[in-house]
Amino acid sequence: MSYIGYIIRILAQCFGDIMVVVSFHIPHSLMQELERLVKEGGFTSKSEAIREAIRLLIREYRKKSTGGVAY
């Protein structure tokens, strides 16, 4: 583990999850839909919407990989 990785792990243990910046490319149409969700008040920011989408994806993946039991 790198020194930075070690520091992040220690900070996470002390303060909970630490936000990291992730950069990725998505089609313009998805960005428009994401912005619409935020504008309509479903989320306070695009970041919040993306975090929730990732949580749902992980939950569904775990449910499928454990035979339907979500945790």
Protein backbone atom coordinates (compact mmCIF):
# COMPACT_ATOMS: atom_id res chain seq x y z
CA MET A 1 0.00 0.00 0.00
CA SER A 2 1.28 3.45 -0.85
CA TYR A 3 1.92 6.08 1.78
CA ILE A 4 -1.07 8.12 0.55
CA GLY A 5 -3.27 5.02 0.64
CA TYR A 6 -2.15 4.36 4.21
CA ILE A 7 -2.94 7.94 5.26
CA ILE A 8 -6.38 7.78 3.63
CA ARG A 9 -7.11 4.49 5.42
CA ILE A 10 -6.15 5.98 8.80
CA LEU A 11 -8.23 9.13 8.18
CA ALA A 12 -11.20 7.02 7.10
CA GLN A 13 -10.97 5.01 10.32
CA CYS A 14 -10.93 8.23 12.35
CA PHE A 15 -13.50 10.29 10.49
CA GLY A 16 -15.58 7.90 8.42
CA ASP A 17 -15.67 7.80 4.63
CA ILE A 18 -13.53 10.35 2.86
CA MET A 19 -14.80 11.73 -0.44
CA VAL A 20 -12.52 11.26 -3.42
CA VAL A 21 -12.75 12.85 -6.85
CA VAL A 22 -13.64 10.52 -9.70
CA SER A 23 -13.54 11.64 -13.31
CA PHE A 24 -15.37 9.77 -16.07
CA HIS A 25 -17.05 10.27 -19.42
CA ILE A 26 -20.77 9.80 -20.04
CA PRO A 27 -22.96 10.46 -23.07
CA HIS A 28 -24.44 13.94 -23.30
CA SER A 29 -27.96 12.49 -23.09
CA LEU A 30 -27.19 10.91 -19.68
CA MET A 31 -25.78 14.18 -18.42
CA GLN A 32 -28.96 15.97 -19.47
CA GLU A 33 -31.07 13.40 -17.59
CA LEU A 34 -28.86 13.71 -14.53
CA GLU A 35 -29.16 17.50 -14.59
CA ARG A 36 -32.95 17.16 -14.96
CA LEU A 37 -33.11 14.96 -11.84
CA VAL A 38 -31.19 17.55 -9.85
CA LYS A 39 -33.22 20.46 -11.24
CA GLU A 40 -36.51 18.72 -10.39
CA GLY A 41 -35.37 18.48 -6.79
CA GLY A 42 -34.71 14.77 -6.58
CA PHE A 43 -31.12 15.41 -5.49
CA THR A 44 -29.16 18.38 -4.20
CA SER A 45 -26.30 17.85 -6.67
CA LYS A 46 -25.11 15.67 -9.52
CA SER A 47 -22.57 14.14 -7.14
CA GLU A 48 -25.32 13.11 -4.72
CA ALA A 49 -27.32 11.52 -7.56
CA ILE A 50 -24.28 9.61 -8.82
CA ARG A 51 -23.41 8.37 -5.31
CA GLU A 52 -26.97 7.09 -4.88
CA ALA A 53 -26.86 5.39 -8.29
CA ILE A 54 -23.61 3.63 -7.33
CA ARG A 55 -25.13 2.53 -3.99
CA LEU A 56 -28.13 1.07 -5.83
CA LEU A 57 -25.87 -0.68 -8.34
CA ILE A 58 -23.81 -2.24 -5.55
CA ARG A 59 -26.94 -3.29 -3.65
CA GLU A 60 -28.42 -4.94 -6.76
CA TYR A 61 -25.13 -6.67 -7.61
CA ARG A 62 -24.86 -8.05 -4.08
CA LYS A 63 -28.48 -9.19 -4.19
CA LYS A 64 -27.87 -11.10 -7.44
CA SER A 65 -24.56 -12.57 -6.29
CA THR A 66 -26.02 -13.81 -2.97
CA GLY A 67 -29.11 -15.40 -4.46
CA GLY A 68 -31.50 -12.55 -3.78
CA VAL A 69 -30.38 -11.58 -0.28
CA ALA A 70 -29.47 -7.91 -0.06
CA TYR A 71 -27.20 -6.63 2.69
